[in-house]
N, C-alpha and C. Protein backbone atom coordinates (compact mmCIF):
# COMPACT_ATOMS: atom_id res chain seq x y z
N MET A 1 -74.39 -10.93 110.34
CA MET A 1 -73.53 -10.41 109.29
C MET A 1 -72.15 -10.19 109.89
N ALA A 2 -71.16 -10.62 109.15
CA ALA A 2 -69.78 -10.39 109.55
C ALA A 2 -69.03 -9.84 108.34
N PHE A 3 -68.17 -8.88 108.60
CA PHE A 3 -67.40 -8.28 107.51
C PHE A 3 -66.09 -7.76 108.07
N THR A 4 -65.12 -7.60 107.20
CA THR A 4 -63.82 -7.10 107.63
C THR A 4 -63.82 -5.57 107.65
N LYS A 5 -62.83 -5.01 108.32
CA LYS A 5 -62.71 -3.56 108.35
C LYS A 5 -62.45 -3.03 106.94
N ASP A 6 -61.68 -3.77 106.15
CA ASP A 6 -61.42 -3.37 104.77
C ASP A 6 -62.72 -3.32 103.97
N ALA A 7 -63.58 -4.33 104.14
CA ALA A 7 -64.87 -4.34 103.44
C ALA A 7 -65.71 -3.14 103.87
N TRP A 8 -65.72 -2.88 105.16
CA TRP A 8 -66.47 -1.74 105.69
C TRP A 8 -65.99 -0.44 105.04
N GLN A 9 -64.67 -0.26 104.94
CA GLN A 9 -64.12 0.95 104.33
C GLN A 9 -64.45 1.03 102.84
N ARG A 10 -64.30 -0.09 102.13
CA ARG A 10 -64.58 -0.10 100.69
C ARG A 10 -66.04 0.20 100.40
N ALA A 11 -66.91 -0.16 101.32
CA ALA A 11 -68.34 0.09 101.14
C ALA A 11 -68.72 1.52 101.54
N GLY A 12 -67.77 2.26 102.07
CA GLY A 12 -68.07 3.63 102.47
C GLY A 12 -68.58 3.75 103.89
N GLY A 13 -68.40 2.70 104.69
CA GLY A 13 -68.84 2.72 106.08
C GLY A 13 -70.30 2.31 106.21
N TYR A 14 -70.70 2.13 107.44
CA TYR A 14 -72.07 1.73 107.73
C TYR A 14 -72.96 2.97 107.70
N PRO A 15 -74.12 2.90 107.09
CA PRO A 15 -74.99 4.08 106.97
C PRO A 15 -75.70 4.42 108.29
N GLU A 16 -74.97 5.04 109.18
CA GLU A 16 -75.50 5.33 110.51
C GLU A 16 -76.60 6.39 110.51
N TRP A 17 -76.82 7.04 109.39
CA TRP A 17 -77.88 8.04 109.28
C TRP A 17 -79.26 7.38 109.19
N LEU A 18 -79.28 6.06 109.03
CA LEU A 18 -80.55 5.32 108.95
C LEU A 18 -80.85 4.60 110.26
N ASP A 19 -82.10 4.58 110.66
CA ASP A 19 -82.50 3.82 111.84
C ASP A 19 -83.13 2.48 111.46
N TYR A 20 -83.58 2.33 110.23
CA TYR A 20 -84.10 1.07 109.71
C TYR A 20 -83.58 0.92 108.29
N CYS A 21 -83.45 -0.31 107.84
CA CYS A 21 -82.96 -0.65 106.50
C CYS A 21 -81.48 -0.34 106.31
N GLU A 22 -80.80 -0.01 107.37
CA GLU A 22 -79.37 0.30 107.25
C GLU A 22 -78.59 -0.93 106.81
N ASP A 23 -79.03 -2.11 107.23
CA ASP A 23 -78.34 -3.33 106.81
C ASP A 23 -78.51 -3.57 105.31
N VAL A 24 -79.68 -3.27 104.78
CA VAL A 24 -79.93 -3.43 103.34
C VAL A 24 -79.04 -2.46 102.56
N VAL A 25 -79.01 -1.22 102.99
CA VAL A 25 -78.18 -0.22 102.31
C VAL A 25 -76.71 -0.64 102.37
N PHE A 26 -76.26 -1.11 103.52
CA PHE A 26 -74.87 -1.54 103.65
C PHE A 26 -74.58 -2.72 102.72
N ASP A 27 -75.49 -3.69 102.67
CA ASP A 27 -75.33 -4.83 101.75
C ASP A 27 -75.21 -4.34 100.31
N LEU A 28 -76.05 -3.41 99.92
CA LEU A 28 -76.00 -2.89 98.55
C LEU A 28 -74.69 -2.14 98.30
N GLN A 29 -74.21 -1.43 99.30
CA GLN A 29 -72.92 -0.74 99.17
C GLN A 29 -71.78 -1.75 99.02
N LEU A 30 -71.83 -2.83 99.76
CA LEU A 30 -70.82 -3.88 99.65
C LEU A 30 -70.82 -4.47 98.24
N ARG A 31 -72.01 -4.75 97.73
CA ARG A 31 -72.11 -5.30 96.36
C ARG A 31 -71.56 -4.30 95.34
N ARG A 32 -71.92 -3.03 95.50
CA ARG A 32 -71.45 -1.99 94.58
C ARG A 32 -69.93 -1.89 94.60
N ALA A 33 -69.34 -2.15 95.77
CA ALA A 33 -67.88 -2.11 95.90
C ALA A 33 -67.24 -3.37 95.31
N GLY A 34 -68.05 -4.29 94.80
CA GLY A 34 -67.53 -5.48 94.16
C GLY A 34 -67.17 -6.60 95.12
N LEU A 35 -67.62 -6.51 96.35
CA LEU A 35 -67.29 -7.53 97.34
C LEU A 35 -68.24 -8.73 97.22
N ARG A 36 -67.70 -9.89 97.51
CA ARG A 36 -68.49 -11.12 97.44
C ARG A 36 -69.05 -11.47 98.81
N PHE A 37 -70.18 -12.15 98.80
CA PHE A 37 -70.82 -12.59 100.03
C PHE A 37 -70.58 -14.08 100.19
N GLY A 38 -70.26 -14.49 101.39
CA GLY A 38 -70.11 -15.90 101.69
C GLY A 38 -71.36 -16.41 102.38
N HIS A 39 -71.52 -17.70 102.35
CA HIS A 39 -72.68 -18.33 102.99
C HIS A 39 -72.16 -19.29 104.05
N ALA A 40 -72.73 -19.22 105.23
CA ALA A 40 -72.33 -20.10 106.32
C ALA A 40 -73.54 -20.95 106.73
N PRO A 41 -73.75 -22.08 106.06
CA PRO A 41 -74.94 -22.88 106.33
C PRO A 41 -75.03 -23.40 107.77
N GLN A 42 -73.89 -23.49 108.46
CA GLN A 42 -73.90 -23.97 109.84
C GLN A 42 -74.29 -22.86 110.83
N ALA A 43 -74.34 -21.62 110.39
CA ALA A 43 -74.69 -20.51 111.28
C ALA A 43 -76.16 -20.63 111.70
N LEU A 44 -76.42 -20.28 112.93
CA LEU A 44 -77.79 -20.30 113.44
C LEU A 44 -78.33 -18.88 113.51
N ALA A 45 -79.53 -18.72 113.01
CA ALA A 45 -80.20 -17.43 113.11
C ALA A 45 -81.62 -17.69 113.57
N ARG A 46 -82.07 -16.90 114.47
CA ARG A 46 -83.43 -17.05 114.98
C ARG A 46 -84.22 -15.78 114.67
N PHE A 47 -85.47 -15.98 114.39
CA PHE A 47 -86.37 -14.86 114.13
C PHE A 47 -87.62 -15.09 114.95
N ARG A 48 -87.98 -14.12 115.75
CA ARG A 48 -89.18 -14.22 116.56
C ARG A 48 -90.20 -13.23 116.00
N PRO A 49 -91.28 -13.74 115.42
CA PRO A 49 -92.30 -12.82 114.90
C PRO A 49 -92.88 -11.97 116.03
N ARG A 50 -93.38 -10.84 115.69
CA ARG A 50 -94.00 -9.97 116.68
C ARG A 50 -95.19 -10.68 117.30
N SER A 51 -95.40 -10.47 118.58
CA SER A 51 -96.43 -11.24 119.29
C SER A 51 -97.81 -10.58 119.25
N THR A 52 -97.88 -9.32 118.82
CA THR A 52 -99.18 -8.66 118.71
C THR A 52 -99.30 -8.01 117.34
N LEU A 53 -100.54 -7.81 116.92
CA LEU A 53 -100.77 -7.15 115.64
C LEU A 53 -100.24 -5.71 115.68
N ARG A 54 -100.36 -5.07 116.82
CA ARG A 54 -99.86 -3.69 116.97
C ARG A 54 -98.33 -3.63 116.77
N ALA A 55 -97.62 -4.59 117.36
CA ALA A 55 -96.17 -4.64 117.21
C ALA A 55 -95.78 -4.95 115.76
N PHE A 56 -96.57 -5.80 115.10
CA PHE A 56 -96.34 -6.12 113.70
C PHE A 56 -96.52 -4.87 112.83
N VAL A 57 -97.58 -4.12 113.08
CA VAL A 57 -97.82 -2.89 112.33
C VAL A 57 -96.66 -1.92 112.51
N ARG A 58 -96.23 -1.76 113.72
CA ARG A 58 -95.10 -0.85 114.00
C ARG A 58 -93.84 -1.30 113.26
N GLN A 59 -93.56 -2.60 113.27
CA GLN A 59 -92.39 -3.15 112.60
C GLN A 59 -92.43 -2.84 111.10
N TYR A 60 -93.53 -3.12 110.44
CA TYR A 60 -93.60 -2.93 109.00
C TYR A 60 -93.72 -1.46 108.61
N TYR A 61 -94.32 -0.66 109.47
CA TYR A 61 -94.33 0.78 109.25
C TYR A 61 -92.89 1.31 109.25
N GLN A 62 -92.10 0.87 110.23
CA GLN A 62 -90.72 1.34 110.34
C GLN A 62 -89.85 0.81 109.20
N TYR A 63 -90.08 -0.42 108.78
CA TYR A 63 -89.35 -0.93 107.62
C TYR A 63 -89.61 -0.06 106.40
N ALA A 64 -90.88 0.24 106.15
CA ALA A 64 -91.24 1.05 104.98
C ALA A 64 -90.74 2.48 105.13
N ARG A 65 -90.78 3.01 106.34
CA ARG A 65 -90.24 4.36 106.57
C ARG A 65 -88.75 4.37 106.26
N GLY A 66 -88.06 3.31 106.64
CA GLY A 66 -86.64 3.17 106.30
C GLY A 66 -86.43 3.11 104.80
N ASP A 67 -87.31 2.38 104.10
CA ASP A 67 -87.23 2.33 102.63
C ASP A 67 -87.37 3.74 102.05
N GLY A 68 -88.29 4.51 102.59
CA GLY A 68 -88.48 5.87 102.10
C GLY A 68 -87.28 6.75 102.39
N LYS A 69 -86.70 6.62 103.57
CA LYS A 69 -85.51 7.41 103.92
C LYS A 69 -84.34 7.08 103.01
N ALA A 70 -84.18 5.78 102.70
CA ALA A 70 -83.03 5.33 101.92
C ALA A 70 -83.31 5.31 100.42
N ASP A 71 -84.52 5.64 100.03
CA ASP A 71 -84.91 5.62 98.61
C ASP A 71 -84.81 4.20 98.06
N LEU A 72 -85.32 3.25 98.82
CA LEU A 72 -85.30 1.85 98.43
C LEU A 72 -86.66 1.40 97.92
N TYR A 73 -86.65 0.55 96.91
CA TYR A 73 -87.82 -0.19 96.46
C TYR A 73 -89.03 0.67 96.09
N LEU A 74 -88.78 1.82 95.47
CA LEU A 74 -89.88 2.69 95.07
C LEU A 74 -90.88 1.96 94.19
N LYS A 75 -90.38 1.20 93.22
CA LYS A 75 -91.27 0.49 92.30
C LYS A 75 -92.20 -0.46 93.06
N ARG A 76 -91.64 -1.20 94.01
CA ARG A 76 -92.44 -2.13 94.81
C ARG A 76 -93.53 -1.39 95.59
N HIS A 77 -93.17 -0.25 96.16
CA HIS A 77 -94.16 0.52 96.93
C HIS A 77 -95.22 1.12 96.01
N LEU A 78 -94.82 1.60 94.83
CA LEU A 78 -95.79 2.15 93.89
C LEU A 78 -96.77 1.08 93.41
N ILE A 79 -96.28 -0.12 93.20
CA ILE A 79 -97.16 -1.23 92.80
C ILE A 79 -98.19 -1.50 93.90
N ARG A 80 -97.76 -1.43 95.15
CA ARG A 80 -98.68 -1.65 96.26
C ARG A 80 -99.75 -0.56 96.29
N TYR A 81 -99.35 0.71 96.12
CA TYR A 81 -100.34 1.79 96.09
C TYR A 81 -101.31 1.62 94.93
N ALA A 82 -100.78 1.26 93.77
CA ALA A 82 -101.64 1.07 92.59
C ALA A 82 -102.62 -0.08 92.81
N THR A 83 -102.14 -1.16 93.39
CA THR A 83 -102.99 -2.32 93.63
C THR A 83 -104.15 -1.97 94.55
N TYR A 84 -103.85 -1.28 95.63
CA TYR A 84 -104.90 -0.95 96.59
C TYR A 84 -105.79 0.20 96.11
N THR A 85 -105.37 0.90 95.07
CA THR A 85 -106.23 1.90 94.45
C THR A 85 -107.15 1.24 93.43
N LEU A 86 -106.59 0.35 92.63
CA LEU A 86 -107.35 -0.27 91.55
C LEU A 86 -108.25 -1.41 92.01
N ALA A 87 -107.89 -2.14 93.04
CA ALA A 87 -108.70 -3.28 93.49
C ALA A 87 -110.13 -2.87 93.88
N PRO A 88 -110.33 -1.82 94.65
CA PRO A 88 -111.71 -1.44 94.96
C PRO A 88 -112.50 -1.00 93.71
N ILE A 89 -111.82 -0.35 92.79
CA ILE A 89 -112.47 0.05 91.55
C ILE A 89 -112.89 -1.20 90.77
N ALA A 90 -112.00 -2.18 90.71
CA ALA A 90 -112.33 -3.43 90.01
C ALA A 90 -113.46 -4.17 90.72
N LEU A 91 -113.45 -4.13 92.05
CA LEU A 91 -114.51 -4.79 92.81
C LEU A 91 -115.87 -4.20 92.45
N ILE A 92 -115.94 -2.89 92.36
CA ILE A 92 -117.19 -2.21 91.99
C ILE A 92 -117.55 -2.49 90.53
N ALA A 93 -116.55 -2.44 89.66
CA ALA A 93 -116.80 -2.71 88.24
C ALA A 93 -117.31 -4.12 88.02
N GLY A 94 -117.01 -5.03 88.93
CA GLY A 94 -117.48 -6.40 88.83
C GLY A 94 -118.99 -6.52 88.86
N PHE A 95 -119.67 -5.54 89.40
CA PHE A 95 -121.14 -5.57 89.39
C PHE A 95 -121.68 -5.46 87.96
N TRP A 96 -120.92 -4.84 87.06
CA TRP A 96 -121.32 -4.70 85.67
C TRP A 96 -120.66 -5.75 84.78
N TYR A 97 -119.45 -6.14 85.15
CA TYR A 97 -118.68 -7.12 84.38
C TYR A 97 -118.21 -8.20 85.35
N ASN A 98 -119.04 -9.21 85.55
CA ASN A 98 -118.77 -10.24 86.57
C ASN A 98 -117.44 -10.95 86.39
N LEU A 99 -116.93 -11.01 85.19
CA LEU A 99 -115.66 -11.68 84.95
C LEU A 99 -114.50 -11.01 85.71
N ILE A 100 -114.67 -9.74 86.00
CA ILE A 100 -113.65 -9.01 86.78
C ILE A 100 -113.47 -9.64 88.15
N TRP A 101 -114.58 -10.12 88.74
CA TRP A 101 -114.49 -10.75 90.05
C TRP A 101 -113.63 -12.02 89.99
N LEU A 102 -113.73 -12.75 88.91
CA LEU A 102 -112.89 -13.93 88.74
C LEU A 102 -111.41 -13.51 88.71
N GLY A 103 -111.13 -12.45 87.99
CA GLY A 103 -109.76 -11.93 87.95
C GLY A 103 -109.27 -11.51 89.32
N LEU A 104 -110.13 -10.85 90.08
CA LEU A 104 -109.77 -10.45 91.44
C LEU A 104 -109.53 -11.66 92.33
N LEU A 105 -110.38 -12.67 92.18
CA LEU A 105 -110.23 -13.88 92.97
C LEU A 105 -108.90 -14.58 92.66
N LEU A 106 -108.56 -14.65 91.38
CA LEU A 106 -107.28 -15.26 90.98
C LEU A 106 -106.10 -14.43 91.48
N ALA A 107 -106.22 -13.11 91.41
CA ALA A 107 -105.15 -12.23 91.90
C ALA A 107 -104.98 -12.40 93.42
N ALA A 108 -106.10 -12.49 94.15
CA ALA A 108 -106.03 -12.67 95.60
C ALA A 108 -105.39 -14.03 95.94
N ALA A 109 -105.74 -15.05 95.17
CA ALA A 109 -105.15 -16.38 95.40
C ALA A 109 -103.64 -16.34 95.16
N ALA A 110 -103.22 -15.66 94.11
CA ALA A 110 -101.79 -15.54 93.82
C ALA A 110 -101.09 -14.75 94.92
N TYR A 111 -101.74 -13.71 95.41
CA TYR A 111 -101.19 -12.84 96.46
C TYR A 111 -101.00 -13.60 97.78
N LEU A 112 -101.91 -14.52 98.06
CA LEU A 112 -101.87 -15.23 99.33
C LEU A 112 -101.20 -16.60 99.25
N TYR A 113 -100.86 -17.03 98.05
CA TYR A 113 -100.28 -18.36 97.87
C TYR A 113 -99.01 -18.56 98.70
N GLY A 114 -98.07 -17.63 98.60
CA GLY A 114 -96.80 -17.76 99.33
C GLY A 114 -96.99 -17.87 100.84
N PRO A 115 -97.75 -16.95 101.45
CA PRO A 115 -97.95 -17.06 102.90
C PRO A 115 -98.65 -18.37 103.31
N TYR A 116 -99.63 -18.81 102.52
CA TYR A 116 -100.29 -20.07 102.87
C TYR A 116 -99.34 -21.25 102.71
N ARG A 117 -98.49 -21.21 101.70
CA ARG A 117 -97.51 -22.27 101.51
C ARG A 117 -96.57 -22.34 102.71
N GLN A 118 -96.10 -21.17 103.17
CA GLN A 118 -95.23 -21.14 104.35
C GLN A 118 -95.97 -21.63 105.59
N LEU A 119 -97.21 -21.19 105.73
CA LEU A 119 -98.00 -21.58 106.90
C LEU A 119 -98.18 -23.09 106.96
N SER A 120 -98.37 -23.72 105.82
CA SER A 120 -98.62 -25.16 105.80
C SER A 120 -97.48 -25.95 106.44
N ARG A 121 -96.28 -25.40 106.42
CA ARG A 121 -95.12 -26.08 107.05
C ARG A 121 -95.18 -26.06 108.57
N TRP A 122 -95.96 -25.15 109.13
CA TRP A 122 -95.98 -24.96 110.58
C TRP A 122 -97.24 -25.52 111.25
N LEU A 123 -98.16 -26.06 110.48
CA LEU A 123 -99.45 -26.46 111.03
C LEU A 123 -99.46 -27.84 111.68
N GLY A 124 -98.40 -28.59 111.50
CA GLY A 124 -98.32 -29.99 111.94
C GLY A 124 -99.10 -30.40 113.17
N GLY A 125 -98.73 -29.94 114.33
CA GLY A 125 -99.34 -30.44 115.57
C GLY A 125 -100.53 -29.65 116.06
N LEU A 126 -101.08 -28.77 115.24
CA LEU A 126 -102.19 -27.94 115.70
C LEU A 126 -103.53 -28.64 115.54
N SER A 127 -104.48 -28.24 116.37
CA SER A 127 -105.84 -28.75 116.24
C SER A 127 -106.48 -28.15 114.99
N LEU A 128 -107.57 -28.72 114.55
CA LEU A 128 -108.28 -28.22 113.38
C LEU A 128 -108.72 -26.77 113.59
N ALA A 129 -109.17 -26.45 114.80
CA ALA A 129 -109.62 -25.08 115.10
C ALA A 129 -108.45 -24.10 115.00
N ASP A 130 -107.29 -24.50 115.51
CA ASP A 130 -106.11 -23.63 115.44
C ASP A 130 -105.61 -23.47 114.01
N LYS A 131 -105.70 -24.54 113.24
CA LYS A 131 -105.33 -24.46 111.82
C LYS A 131 -106.23 -23.48 111.09
N LEU A 132 -107.52 -23.56 111.35
CA LEU A 132 -108.48 -22.65 110.71
C LEU A 132 -108.22 -21.21 111.15
N LEU A 133 -107.97 -21.02 112.42
CA LEU A 133 -107.68 -19.67 112.92
C LEU A 133 -106.41 -19.11 112.27
N ALA A 134 -105.39 -19.92 112.18
CA ALA A 134 -104.15 -19.48 111.52
C ALA A 134 -104.41 -19.12 110.07
N ALA A 135 -105.20 -19.92 109.38
CA ALA A 135 -105.52 -19.64 107.98
C ALA A 135 -106.30 -18.35 107.83
N LEU A 136 -107.17 -18.05 108.78
CA LEU A 136 -107.95 -16.81 108.71
C LEU A 136 -107.09 -15.58 108.98
N TRP A 137 -106.00 -15.75 109.73
CA TRP A 137 -105.12 -14.63 110.03
C TRP A 137 -104.28 -14.20 108.82
N VAL A 138 -104.03 -15.09 107.88
CA VAL A 138 -103.14 -14.78 106.75
C VAL A 138 -103.59 -13.53 105.99
N PRO A 139 -104.84 -13.45 105.50
CA PRO A 139 -105.21 -12.23 104.77
C PRO A 139 -105.21 -10.98 105.66
N VAL A 140 -105.54 -11.16 106.92
CA VAL A 140 -105.53 -10.01 107.84
C VAL A 140 -104.11 -9.48 107.97
N ILE A 141 -103.17 -10.36 108.19
CA ILE A 141 -101.77 -9.95 108.34
C ILE A 141 -101.25 -9.30 107.07
N ARG A 142 -101.60 -9.86 105.91
CA ARG A 142 -101.16 -9.27 104.64
C ARG A 142 -101.73 -7.86 104.46
N LEU A 143 -103.01 -7.70 104.69
CA LEU A 143 -103.65 -6.39 104.50
C LEU A 143 -103.12 -5.36 105.50
N VAL A 144 -103.02 -5.76 106.75
CA VAL A 144 -102.53 -4.85 107.78
C VAL A 144 -101.06 -4.49 107.53
N GLY A 145 -100.27 -5.47 107.13
CA GLY A 145 -98.87 -5.20 106.81
C GLY A 145 -98.73 -4.25 105.64
N ASP A 146 -99.55 -4.45 104.62
CA ASP A 146 -99.51 -3.53 103.47
C ASP A 146 -99.94 -2.13 103.86
N ALA A 147 -100.97 -2.02 104.69
CA ALA A 147 -101.41 -0.69 105.15
C ALA A 147 -100.29 0.00 105.93
N ALA A 148 -99.59 -0.75 106.78
CA ALA A 148 -98.49 -0.18 107.55
C ALA A 148 -97.37 0.30 106.62
N LYS A 149 -97.08 -0.49 105.59
CA LYS A 149 -96.04 -0.10 104.63
C LYS A 149 -96.47 1.15 103.85
N MET A 150 -97.75 1.19 103.46
CA MET A 150 -98.22 2.36 102.71
C MET A 150 -98.23 3.62 103.57
N ALA A 151 -98.38 3.47 104.86
CA ALA A 151 -98.31 4.62 105.76
C ALA A 151 -96.86 5.03 106.03
N GLY A 152 -95.96 4.07 106.13
CA GLY A 152 -94.58 4.36 106.50
C GLY A 152 -93.74 4.95 105.39
N TYR A 153 -93.92 4.48 104.16
CA TYR A 153 -93.05 4.93 103.07
C TYR A 153 -93.09 6.44 102.86
N PRO A 154 -94.28 7.06 102.78
CA PRO A 154 -94.28 8.51 102.57
C PRO A 154 -93.64 9.30 103.71
N VAL A 155 -93.71 8.78 104.92
CA VAL A 155 -93.08 9.45 106.06
C VAL A 155 -91.57 9.45 105.87
N GLY A 156 -91.02 8.32 105.47
CA GLY A 156 -89.59 8.25 105.20
C GLY A 156 -89.19 9.11 104.01
N TYR A 157 -90.03 9.12 102.99
CA TYR A 157 -89.76 9.95 101.80
C TYR A 157 -89.71 11.43 102.18
N ARG A 158 -90.68 11.86 102.99
CA ARG A 158 -90.67 13.28 103.43
C ARG A 158 -89.42 13.58 104.25
N TRP A 159 -89.02 12.63 105.11
CA TRP A 159 -87.80 12.81 105.90
C TRP A 159 -86.60 12.99 104.96
N ARG A 160 -86.51 12.15 103.93
CA ARG A 160 -85.39 12.23 102.99
C ARG A 160 -85.37 13.57 102.28
N ARG A 161 -86.53 14.08 101.90
CA ARG A 161 -86.60 15.37 101.21
C ARG A 161 -86.16 16.52 102.13
N ARG A 162 -86.48 16.42 103.41
CA ARG A 162 -86.13 17.48 104.36
C ARG A 162 -84.67 17.42 104.81
N HIS A 163 -84.16 16.23 105.00
CA HIS A 163 -82.83 16.07 105.59
C HIS A 163 -81.70 15.87 104.60
N ARG A 164 -82.01 15.57 103.38
CA ARG A 164 -80.98 15.36 102.34
C ARG A 164 -79.83 14.49 102.85
N PRO A 165 -80.12 13.21 103.07
CA PRO A 165 -79.08 12.31 103.60
C PRO A 165 -77.97 12.10 102.58
N PRO A 166 -76.88 11.47 103.01
CA PRO A 166 -75.76 11.23 102.08
C PRO A 166 -76.22 10.44 100.86
N ALA A 167 -75.66 10.76 99.74
CA ALA A 167 -76.00 10.05 98.51
C ALA A 167 -75.33 8.68 98.52
N TRP A 168 -75.98 7.72 97.97
CA TRP A 168 -75.40 6.40 97.78
C TRP A 168 -76.01 5.82 96.52
N ASN A 169 -75.37 4.86 95.93
CA ASN A 169 -75.79 4.29 94.67
C ASN A 169 -76.95 3.34 94.89
N ARG A 170 -78.14 3.69 94.40
CA ARG A 170 -79.33 2.88 94.61
C ARG A 170 -79.63 1.97 93.42
N GLN A 171 -78.71 1.78 92.50
CA GLN A 171 -78.98 1.03 91.28
C GLN A 171 -79.53 -0.36 91.55
N SER A 172 -79.12 -0.99 92.61
CA SER A 172 -79.55 -2.36 92.88
C SER A 172 -80.88 -2.44 93.61
N ALA A 173 -81.38 -1.33 94.08
CA ALA A 173 -82.60 -1.37 94.91
C ALA A 173 -83.85 -1.23 94.09
């Protein structure tokens, strides 16, 4: 990200009170200030996924904690809590109404479609065993990531309630 000093001032400065999601808050402040974003297709950006499941959990816990601190994406987090509350109930109800299981299966397929689509781009030179292993990791990563987010958001929310951080316009979040 690159921005001018004038843009920084018009956005109200960088939200240094945040340890995570500060870039998202700053982007939203820039948009609120009416500033335009440019795209530099020649720019190179690299992303290295976490190498262990533990590091991945920590990363997504901190992202969600940052969301809670900044009051970001409440609706998205509430949908996640509702989904993980209702899914087990639906699973049990399926014993009486088998059609519910079909609905759950379709919902799970929709939930995992994006990650599997992305994974398919990276499977090229892998052996069949490695492809299968990668495919088996997708639901694990999704579930573990969601659990980390559900644990992190309330921690950030409690922090926000205790510390009363600076107000900012959350209309876009």
